[in-house]
Every structure is written in structure tokens, then in C-alpha cells.
PDB file of N, CA and C in Angstrom:
ATOM      1  N   MET A   1      -9.760  -6.043   2.581  1.00  0.00           N
ATOM      2  CA  MET A   1      -8.433  -6.266   2.837  1.00  0.00           C
ATOM      3  C   MET A   1      -8.085  -7.497   1.445  1.00  0.00           C
ATOM      4  N   VAL A   2      -6.972  -7.172   0.884  1.00  0.00           N
ATOM      5  CA  VAL A   2      -6.478  -8.088   0.064  1.00  0.00           C
ATOM      6  C   VAL A   2      -5.506  -9.166   0.413  1.00  0.00           C
ATOM      7  N   ASN A   3      -5.580 -10.455   0.145  1.00  0.00           N
ATOM      8  CA  ASN A   3      -4.701 -11.413   0.848  1.00  0.00           C
ATOM      9  C   ASN A   3      -3.443 -11.130  -0.064  1.00  0.00           C
ATOM     10  N   PRO A   4      -2.435 -10.916   0.817  1.00  0.00           N
ATOM     11  CA  PRO A   4      -1.086 -10.584  -0.169  1.00  0.00           C
ATOM     12  C   PRO A   4      -0.564 -12.073  -0.578  1.00  0.00           C
ATOM     13  N   SER A   5      -1.018 -13.198  -0.232  1.00  0.00           N
ATOM     14  CA  SER A   5      -0.536 -14.327  -0.813  1.00  0.00           C
ATOM     15  C   SER A   5      -1.181 -14.735  -2.281  1.00  0.00           C
ATOM     16  N   ILE A   6      -2.067 -13.765  -2.567  1.00  0.00           N
ATOM     17  CA  ILE A   6      -2.898 -13.878  -3.827  1.00  0.00           C
ATOM     18  C   ILE A   6      -1.865 -13.332  -4.696  1.00  0.00           C
ATOM     19  N   PHE A   7      -1.276 -12.255  -4.608  1.00  0.00           N
ATOM     20  CA  PHE A   7      -0.583 -11.409  -5.482  1.00  0.00           C
ATOM     21  C   PHE A   7       0.351 -12.334  -6.285  1.00  0.00           C
ATOM     22  N   PRO A   8       1.639 -12.898  -5.566  1.00  0.00           N
ATOM     23  CA  PRO A   8       2.424 -13.580  -6.332  1.00  0.00           C
ATOM     24  C   PRO A   8       2.007 -14.690  -7.337  1.00  0.00           C
ATOM     25  N   THR A   9       1.016 -15.227  -6.839  1.00  0.00           N
ATOM     26  CA  THR A   9       0.645 -16.433  -7.847  1.00  0.00           C
ATOM     27  C   THR A   9      -0.212 -15.661  -8.901  1.00  0.00           C
ATOM     28  N   SER A  10      -0.993 -14.623  -8.676  1.00  0.00           N
ATOM     29  CA  SER A  10      -1.688 -13.984  -9.833  1.00  0.00           C
ATOM     30  C   SER A  10      -0.730 -13.352 -10.902  1.00  0.00           C
ATOM     31  N   ILE A  11       0.185 -12.707 -10.345  1.00  0.00           N
ATOM     32  CA  ILE A  11       1.366 -12.023 -11.077  1.00  0.00           C
ATOM     33  C   ILE A  11       2.186 -12.992 -12.103  1.00  0.00           C
ATOM     34  N   PHE A  12       2.510 -14.286 -11.273  1.00  0.00           N
ATOM     35  CA  PHE A  12       3.043 -15.560 -11.970  1.00  0.00           C
ATOM     36  C   PHE A  12       2.074 -15.874 -13.034  1.00  0.00           C
ATOM     37  N   ASP A  13       0.676 -16.016 -12.779  1.00  0.00           N
ATOM     38  CA  ASP A  13      -0.013 -16.510 -13.937  1.00  0.00           C
ATOM     39  C   ASP A  13      -0.056 -15.596 -15.224  1.00  0.00           C
ATOM     40  N   LEU A  14      -0.241 -14.390 -14.810  1.00  0.00           N
ATOM     41  CA  LEU A  14      -0.069 -13.430 -15.872  1.00  0.00           C
ATOM     42  C   LEU A  14       0.909 -13.483 -16.632  1.00  0.00           C
ATOM     43  N   GLY A  15       2.230 -13.663 -16.049  1.00  0.00           N
ATOM     44  CA  GLY A  15       3.343 -13.944 -16.681  1.00  0.00           C
ATOM     45  C   GLY A  15       3.315 -15.201 -17.794  1.00  0.00           C
ATOM     46  N   CYS A  16       2.982 -16.185 -16.901  1.00  0.00           N
ATOM     47  CA  CYS A  16       2.787 -17.388 -17.802  1.00  0.00           C
ATOM     48  C   CYS A  16       2.049 -17.329 -19.106  1.00  0.00           C
ATOM     49  N   LYS A  17       0.732 -16.604 -18.965  1.00  0.00           N
ATOM     50  CA  LYS A  17      -0.245 -16.543 -19.879  1.00  0.00           C
ATOM     51  C   LYS A  17       0.475 -15.915 -21.023  1.00  0.00           C
ATOM     52  N   ARG A  18       1.067 -14.714 -20.842  1.00  0.00           N
ATOM     53  CA  ARG A  18       1.487 -13.618 -21.618  1.00  0.00           C
ATOM     54  C   ARG A  18       2.727 -14.358 -22.428  1.00  0.00           C
ATOM     55  N   PHE A  19       3.501 -15.355 -21.780  1.00  0.00           N
ATOM     56  CA  PHE A  19       4.588 -15.827 -22.396  1.00  0.00           C
ATOM     57  C   PHE A  19       3.806 -16.976 -23.257  1.00  0.00           C
ATOM     58  N   GLU A  20       3.002 -17.645 -22.815  1.00  0.00           N
ATOM     59  CA  GLU A  20       2.249 -18.588 -23.591  1.00  0.00           C
ATOM     60  C   GLU A  20       1.781 -18.011 -24.921  1.00  0.00           C
ATOM     61  N   LEU A  21       1.181 -16.741 -24.748  1.00  0.00           N
ATOM     62  CA  LEU A  21       0.641 -16.198 -26.072  1.00  0.00           C
ATOM     63  C   LEU A  21       1.625 -15.826 -26.994  1.00  0.00           C
ATOM     64  N   VAL A  22       2.733 -15.265 -26.402  1.00  0.00           N
ATOM     65  CA  VAL A  22       3.959 -14.929 -27.436  1.00  0.00           C
ATOM     66  C   VAL A  22       4.662 -16.088 -27.920  1.00  0.00           C
ATOM     67  N   TRP A  23       4.744 -17.111 -27.367  1.00  0.00           N
ATOM     68  CA  TRP A  23       5.287 -18.275 -27.766  1.00  0.00           C
ATOM     69  C   TRP A  23       4.417 -19.022 -28.948  1.00  0.00           C
ATOM     70  N   LYS A  24       2.883 -18.910 -28.530  1.00  0.00           N
ATOM     71  CA  LYS A  24       2.177 -19.587 -29.597  1.00  0.00           C
ATOM     72  C   LYS A  24       2.195 -18.563 -31.030  1.00  0.00           C
ATOM     73  N   ARG A  25       2.205 -17.143 -30.637  1.00  0.00           N
ATOM     74  CA  ARG A  25       2.365 -16.502 -31.871  1.00  0.00           C
ATOM     75  C   ARG A  25       3.633 -16.524 -32.760  1.00  0.00           C
ATOM     76  N   SER A  26       4.774 -16.723 -31.834  1.00  0.00           N
ATOM     77  CA  SER A  26       5.967 -17.141 -32.751  1.00  0.00           C
ATOM     78  C   SER A  26       5.891 -18.468 -33.399  1.00  0.00           C
ATOM     79  N   GLN A  27       5.321 -19.432 -32.659  1.00  0.00           N
ATOM     80  CA  GLN A  27       5.047 -20.822 -33.391  1.00  0.00           C
ATOM     81  C   GLN A  27       4.386 -20.601 -34.765  1.00  0.00           C
ATOM     82  N   ALA A  28       3.340 -19.889 -34.511  1.00  0.00           N
ATOM     83  CA  ALA A  28       2.163 -19.558 -35.719  1.00  0.00           C
ATOM     84  C   ALA A  28       3.174 -18.829 -36.810  1.00  0.00           C
ATOM     85  N   ALA A  29       3.731 -17.996 -36.452  1.00  0.00           N
ATOM     86  CA  ALA A  29       4.507 -16.938 -37.472  1.00  0.00           C
ATOM     87  C   ALA A  29       5.589 -17.764 -38.244  1.00  0.00           C
ATOM     88  N   SER A  30       6.348 -18.702 -37.416  1.00  0.00           N
ATOM     89  CA  SER A  30       7.365 -19.744 -38.187  1.00  0.00           C
ATOM     90  C   SER A  30       6.730 -20.904 -39.138  1.00  0.00           C
ATOM     91  N   PHE A  31       5.426 -21.197 -38.571  1.00  0.00           N
ATOM     92  CA  PHE A  31       4.733 -22.112 -39.478  1.00  0.00           C
ATOM     93  C   PHE A  31       4.265 -21.529 -40.592  1.00  0.00           C
ATOM     94  N   LEU A  32       3.723 -20.345 -40.637  1.00  0.00           N
ATOM     95  CA  LEU A  32       3.368 -19.691 -41.910  1.00  0.00           C
ATOM     96  C   LEU A  32       4.706 -19.404 -42.802  1.00  0.00           C
ATOM     97  N   GLN A  33       5.673 -19.131 -42.136  1.00  0.00           N
ATOM     98  CA  GLN A  33       6.968 -19.008 -42.962  1.00  0.00           C
ATOM     99  C   GLN A  33       7.255 -20.215 -43.863  1.00  0.00           C
ATOM    100  N   CYS A  34       7.013 -21.148 -43.216  1.00  0.00           N
ATOM    101  CA  CYS A  34       7.385 -22.655 -43.746  1.00  0.00           C
ATOM    102  C   CYS A  34       6.234 -22.590 -44.892  1.00  0.00           C
ATOM    103  N   LEU A  35       5.035 -22.550 -44.874  1.00  0.00           N
ATOM    104  CA  LEU A  35       4.121 -22.792 -45.797  1.00  0.00           C
ATOM    105  C   LEU A  35       4.464 -21.659 -47.083  1.00  0.00           C
ATOM    106  N   CYS A  36       4.986 -20.649 -46.810  1.00  0.00           N
ATOM    107  CA  CYS A  36       5.325 -19.703 -47.917  1.00  0.00           C
ATOM    108  C   CYS A  36       6.410 -20.259 -48.767  1.00  0.00           C
TER     109      CYS A  36
END
């Protein structure tokens, strides 16, 4: 049996990690544009 209380936190963590990846990628892109 899967503990239902685990699901919201794991989904939330996945969303946070994905948002963090997108944010860092956009930060790197803007930083590269400044260099050019």
C-alpha cells in the first residue's frame, strides 16, 4: 500500500525542482545575453 500522505509532498517537490530548473535556465540565458 502506498501512503497517501506521501503523494502531495512528492508532487510538490517535483514541481519545485522543475520550477528551480526552469528559473536557473532562464537566469543563465539572460546572463549569456548580457555577455554578448
